[in-house]
Structures are given as structure tokens and as C-alpha cells.
Amino acid sequence: MATAMTFEPVKKKPLPAGLPREWYESHNRRLKAMRLAISLLDSGTYDARRATNRKIRTMAVRTGIHRPSNVTCKLVRAYIVSNGA
């Protein structure tokens, strides 16, 4: 009989202070792209060529993420490719 596993969310730590603004922007962009890539993979989009900007932005709306830029969409496709699917 399978038992339900419960997961506790990871405790968030504050970001390190004193880094250049570009570092924080890049960090947040990578997090956003990773969340979108996971959502696309969960929905069955395993091929980066099928992950168009339109599809990525539609997934962002569905998951409540702000509209990603072209750079973020490109990063999402890179994450899907690196998934090895």
C-alpha cells in the first residue's frame, strides 16, 4: 500500500547583500526560467523547439508568473535542452 509523502517547503534564506544589481536580476531570471521549464516539462513539452515564446508566456499566465522577456524564454529553452529529454 502506498503512503502519501508530505514535503515541507524549503526554508528561504535572504539573498547576500552587497552584490551588483545585475547579479540579483540574473538570479531572479534563472529562478523564473527554472519554474517555467519545470511547468512545461510537467505539461509534456519535452522538446525545446516546441517551447515557443508564446507557449512559455501562456504557461506563465497559467502558473501566475509575470510575463517573461525574450531573454528569459531563451533561458527556459536552454533548461529544457539541458534536461536531456
N, C-alpha and C. Protein backbone atom coordinates (compact mmCIF):
# COMPACT_ATOMS: atom_id res chain seq x y z
N MET A 1 0.85 -1.18 0.00
CA MET A 1 0.00 0.00 0.00
C MET A 1 0.89 1.23 0.00
N ALA A 2 0.60 2.14 -0.89
CA ALA A 2 1.40 3.36 -1.00
C ALA A 2 0.98 4.35 0.08
N THR A 3 1.95 5.00 0.64
CA THR A 3 1.66 6.02 1.63
C THR A 3 1.92 7.40 1.02
N ALA A 4 1.14 8.35 1.41
CA ALA A 4 1.29 9.70 0.90
C ALA A 4 2.51 10.35 1.56
N MET A 5 3.37 10.90 0.73
CA MET A 5 4.55 11.58 1.24
C MET A 5 4.24 13.07 1.33
N THR A 6 4.64 13.65 2.41
CA THR A 6 4.45 15.09 2.55
C THR A 6 5.81 15.76 2.50
N PHE A 7 5.87 16.86 1.79
CA PHE A 7 7.11 17.60 1.68
C PHE A 7 6.93 18.96 2.33
N GLU A 8 7.93 19.35 3.05
CA GLU A 8 7.92 20.69 3.63
C GLU A 8 8.66 21.62 2.68
N PRO A 9 8.14 22.81 2.48
CA PRO A 9 8.85 23.74 1.59
C PRO A 9 10.23 24.08 2.14
N VAL A 10 11.13 24.33 1.22
CA VAL A 10 12.49 24.70 1.61
C VAL A 10 12.44 26.07 2.28
N LYS A 11 13.15 26.20 3.38
CA LYS A 11 13.18 27.48 4.06
C LYS A 11 13.99 28.47 3.23
N LYS A 12 13.41 29.63 2.99
CA LYS A 12 14.07 30.64 2.19
C LYS A 12 15.08 31.40 3.03
N LYS A 13 16.22 31.64 2.43
CA LYS A 13 17.25 32.43 3.08
C LYS A 13 17.34 33.76 2.36
N PRO A 14 17.68 34.81 3.06
CA PRO A 14 17.84 36.09 2.37
C PRO A 14 19.03 36.03 1.41
N LEU A 15 18.90 36.78 0.31
CA LEU A 15 20.00 36.84 -0.64
C LEU A 15 21.16 37.61 -0.03
N PRO A 16 22.38 37.29 -0.45
CA PRO A 16 23.52 38.00 0.11
C PRO A 16 23.49 39.48 -0.27
N ALA A 17 23.86 40.29 0.66
CA ALA A 17 23.84 41.74 0.43
C ALA A 17 25.15 42.20 -0.21
N GLY A 18 25.07 43.32 -0.88
CA GLY A 18 26.27 43.95 -1.40
C GLY A 18 26.70 43.53 -2.78
N LEU A 19 25.94 42.68 -3.44
CA LEU A 19 26.31 42.27 -4.79
C LEU A 19 25.76 43.26 -5.81
N PRO A 20 26.33 43.29 -7.02
CA PRO A 20 25.82 44.21 -8.03
C PRO A 20 24.38 43.87 -8.41
N ARG A 21 23.64 44.87 -8.82
CA ARG A 21 22.23 44.70 -9.19
C ARG A 21 22.06 43.63 -10.27
N GLU A 22 23.00 43.56 -11.21
CA GLU A 22 22.93 42.57 -12.29
C GLU A 22 22.89 41.15 -11.75
N TRP A 23 23.59 40.91 -10.64
CA TRP A 23 23.60 39.57 -10.05
C TRP A 23 22.20 39.20 -9.58
N TYR A 24 21.51 40.11 -8.91
CA TYR A 24 20.17 39.84 -8.41
C TYR A 24 19.20 39.64 -9.57
N GLU A 25 19.32 40.45 -10.62
CA GLU A 25 18.45 40.31 -11.78
C GLU A 25 18.67 38.96 -12.45
N SER A 26 19.93 38.58 -12.59
CA SER A 26 20.26 37.29 -13.21
C SER A 26 19.76 36.13 -12.35
N HIS A 27 19.93 36.25 -11.07
CA HIS A 27 19.48 35.20 -10.14
C HIS A 27 17.97 35.00 -10.24
N ASN A 28 17.23 36.10 -10.19
CA ASN A 28 15.77 36.00 -10.27
C ASN A 28 15.31 35.51 -11.64
N ARG A 29 16.01 35.90 -12.70
CA ARG A 29 15.69 35.42 -14.04
C ARG A 29 15.87 33.91 -14.13
N ARG A 30 16.97 33.40 -13.56
CA ARG A 30 17.21 31.95 -13.58
C ARG A 30 16.15 31.20 -12.80
N LEU A 31 15.74 31.74 -11.65
CA LEU A 31 14.68 31.09 -10.87
C LEU A 31 13.36 31.05 -11.64
N LYS A 32 13.01 32.15 -12.27
CA LYS A 32 11.78 32.23 -13.06
C LYS A 32 11.84 31.24 -14.22
N ALA A 33 12.96 31.20 -14.92
CA ALA A 33 13.11 30.29 -16.05
C ALA A 33 13.03 28.84 -15.59
N MET A 34 13.60 28.53 -14.45
CA MET A 34 13.55 27.16 -13.95
C MET A 34 12.12 26.77 -13.60
N ARG A 35 11.37 27.66 -12.96
CA ARG A 35 9.97 27.35 -12.64
C ARG A 35 9.16 27.12 -13.90
N LEU A 36 9.39 27.95 -14.92
CA LEU A 36 8.66 27.79 -16.18
C LEU A 36 9.07 26.51 -16.91
N ALA A 37 10.35 26.19 -16.90
CA ALA A 37 10.82 24.96 -17.55
C ALA A 37 10.21 23.73 -16.88
N ILE A 38 10.14 23.74 -15.57
CA ILE A 38 9.55 22.61 -14.84
C ILE A 38 8.07 22.48 -15.19
N SER A 39 7.38 23.61 -15.25
CA SER A 39 5.95 23.58 -15.60
C SER A 39 5.74 23.05 -17.01
N LEU A 40 6.58 23.47 -17.94
CA LEU A 40 6.46 22.99 -19.32
C LEU A 40 6.76 21.50 -19.41
N LEU A 41 7.79 21.06 -18.71
CA LEU A 41 8.11 19.63 -18.72
C LEU A 41 6.98 18.81 -18.11
N ASP A 42 6.39 19.32 -17.03
CA ASP A 42 5.27 18.62 -16.40
C ASP A 42 4.05 18.55 -17.33
N SER A 43 3.92 19.55 -18.20
CA SER A 43 2.77 19.58 -19.10
C SER A 43 3.03 18.79 -20.38
N GLY A 44 4.25 18.26 -20.55
CA GLY A 44 4.52 17.41 -21.70
C GLY A 44 5.33 18.06 -22.80
N THR A 45 5.84 19.24 -22.59
CA THR A 45 6.69 19.89 -23.59
C THR A 45 8.13 19.51 -23.29
N TYR A 46 8.61 18.46 -23.98
CA TYR A 46 9.95 17.95 -23.73
C TYR A 46 10.96 18.42 -24.76
N ASP A 47 10.49 19.04 -25.83
CA ASP A 47 11.37 19.47 -26.90
C ASP A 47 11.46 21.00 -26.88
N ALA A 48 12.68 21.51 -26.81
CA ALA A 48 12.87 22.95 -26.72
C ALA A 48 12.35 23.67 -27.96
N ARG A 49 12.37 22.99 -29.11
CA ARG A 49 11.86 23.62 -30.34
C ARG A 49 10.36 23.85 -30.27
N ARG A 50 9.66 23.07 -29.48
CA ARG A 50 8.21 23.26 -29.33
C ARG A 50 7.87 24.28 -28.25
N ALA A 51 8.86 24.67 -27.48
CA ALA A 51 8.64 25.66 -26.42
C ALA A 51 8.83 27.05 -27.02
N THR A 52 7.81 27.49 -27.72
CA THR A 52 7.87 28.81 -28.33
C THR A 52 7.68 29.88 -27.25
N ASN A 53 8.01 31.11 -27.60
CA ASN A 53 7.79 32.21 -26.66
C ASN A 53 6.32 32.27 -26.26
N ARG A 54 5.45 32.06 -27.22
CA ARG A 54 4.01 32.12 -26.94
C ARG A 54 3.60 31.04 -25.93
N LYS A 55 4.12 29.83 -26.12
CA LYS A 55 3.77 28.74 -25.21
C LYS A 55 4.33 28.99 -23.81
N ILE A 56 5.55 29.52 -23.75
CA ILE A 56 6.17 29.81 -22.46
C ILE A 56 5.38 30.90 -21.74
N ARG A 57 4.98 31.93 -22.48
CA ARG A 57 4.22 33.02 -21.86
C ARG A 57 2.83 32.58 -21.44
N THR A 58 2.23 31.67 -22.20
CA THR A 58 0.93 31.13 -21.82
C THR A 58 1.06 30.33 -20.51
N MET A 59 2.13 29.56 -20.40
CA MET A 59 2.37 28.80 -19.17
C MET A 59 2.60 29.75 -18.00
N ALA A 60 3.26 30.86 -18.25
CA ALA A 60 3.49 31.84 -17.17
C ALA A 60 2.16 32.38 -16.67
N VAL A 61 1.24 32.67 -17.58
CA VAL A 61 -0.07 33.17 -17.16
C VAL A 61 -0.79 32.11 -16.35
N ARG A 62 -0.74 30.86 -16.81
CA ARG A 62 -1.42 29.76 -16.10
C ARG A 62 -0.88 29.57 -14.69
N THR A 63 0.42 29.74 -14.53
CA THR A 63 1.03 29.47 -13.22
C THR A 63 1.16 30.71 -12.36
N GLY A 64 0.72 31.86 -12.88
CA GLY A 64 0.74 33.08 -12.08
C GLY A 64 2.09 33.75 -12.01
N ILE A 65 2.92 33.53 -13.04
CA ILE A 65 4.24 34.15 -13.10
C ILE A 65 4.14 35.34 -14.05
N HIS A 66 4.84 36.42 -13.72
CA HIS A 66 4.84 37.59 -14.59
C HIS A 66 5.37 37.22 -15.98
N ARG A 67 4.89 37.95 -16.99
CA ARG A 67 5.25 37.68 -18.37
C ARG A 67 6.77 37.70 -18.55
N PRO A 68 7.35 36.61 -19.06
CA PRO A 68 8.80 36.57 -19.22
C PRO A 68 9.26 37.32 -20.47
N SER A 69 10.47 37.83 -20.40
CA SER A 69 11.07 38.53 -21.53
C SER A 69 11.59 37.51 -22.54
N ASN A 70 12.06 38.01 -23.68
CA ASN A 70 12.65 37.12 -24.69
C ASN A 70 13.88 36.41 -24.15
N VAL A 71 14.66 37.10 -23.33
CA VAL A 71 15.87 36.50 -22.75
C VAL A 71 15.49 35.36 -21.81
N THR A 72 14.45 35.56 -21.02
CA THR A 72 14.00 34.51 -20.10
C THR A 72 13.46 33.32 -20.89
N CYS A 73 12.73 33.58 -21.96
CA CYS A 73 12.21 32.48 -22.80
C CYS A 73 13.36 31.66 -23.38
N LYS A 74 14.40 32.34 -23.80
CA LYS A 74 15.57 31.64 -24.33
C LYS A 74 16.22 30.78 -23.25
N LEU A 75 16.27 31.29 -22.03
CA LEU A 75 16.83 30.54 -20.92
C LEU A 75 15.97 29.33 -20.58
N VAL A 76 14.65 29.47 -20.68
CA VAL A 76 13.74 28.33 -20.45
C VAL A 76 14.06 27.22 -21.44
N ARG A 77 14.23 27.57 -22.71
CA ARG A 77 14.55 26.56 -23.72
C ARG A 77 15.90 25.91 -23.43
N ALA A 78 16.85 26.69 -22.95
CA ALA A 78 18.17 26.13 -22.60
C ALA A 78 18.02 25.12 -21.46
N TYR A 79 17.18 25.41 -20.48
CA TYR A 79 16.95 24.46 -19.38
C TYR A 79 16.29 23.19 -19.89
N ILE A 80 15.37 23.33 -20.82
CA ILE A 80 14.71 22.13 -21.36
C ILE A 80 15.70 21.27 -22.12
N VAL A 81 16.57 21.90 -22.90
CA VAL A 81 17.60 21.16 -23.64
C VAL A 81 18.55 20.46 -22.67
N SER A 82 18.96 21.15 -21.62
CA SER A 82 19.91 20.56 -20.67
C SER A 82 19.26 19.45 -19.85
N ASN A 83 17.93 19.38 -19.88
CA ASN A 83 17.25 18.29 -19.19
C ASN A 83 17.59 16.94 -19.83
N GLY A 84 18.04 16.97 -21.08
CA GLY A 84 18.43 15.74 -21.74
C GLY A 84 17.27 14.98 -22.33
N ALA A 85 16.12 15.61 -22.42
CA ALA A 85 14.95 14.92 -22.96
C ALA A 85 14.97 14.87 -24.45
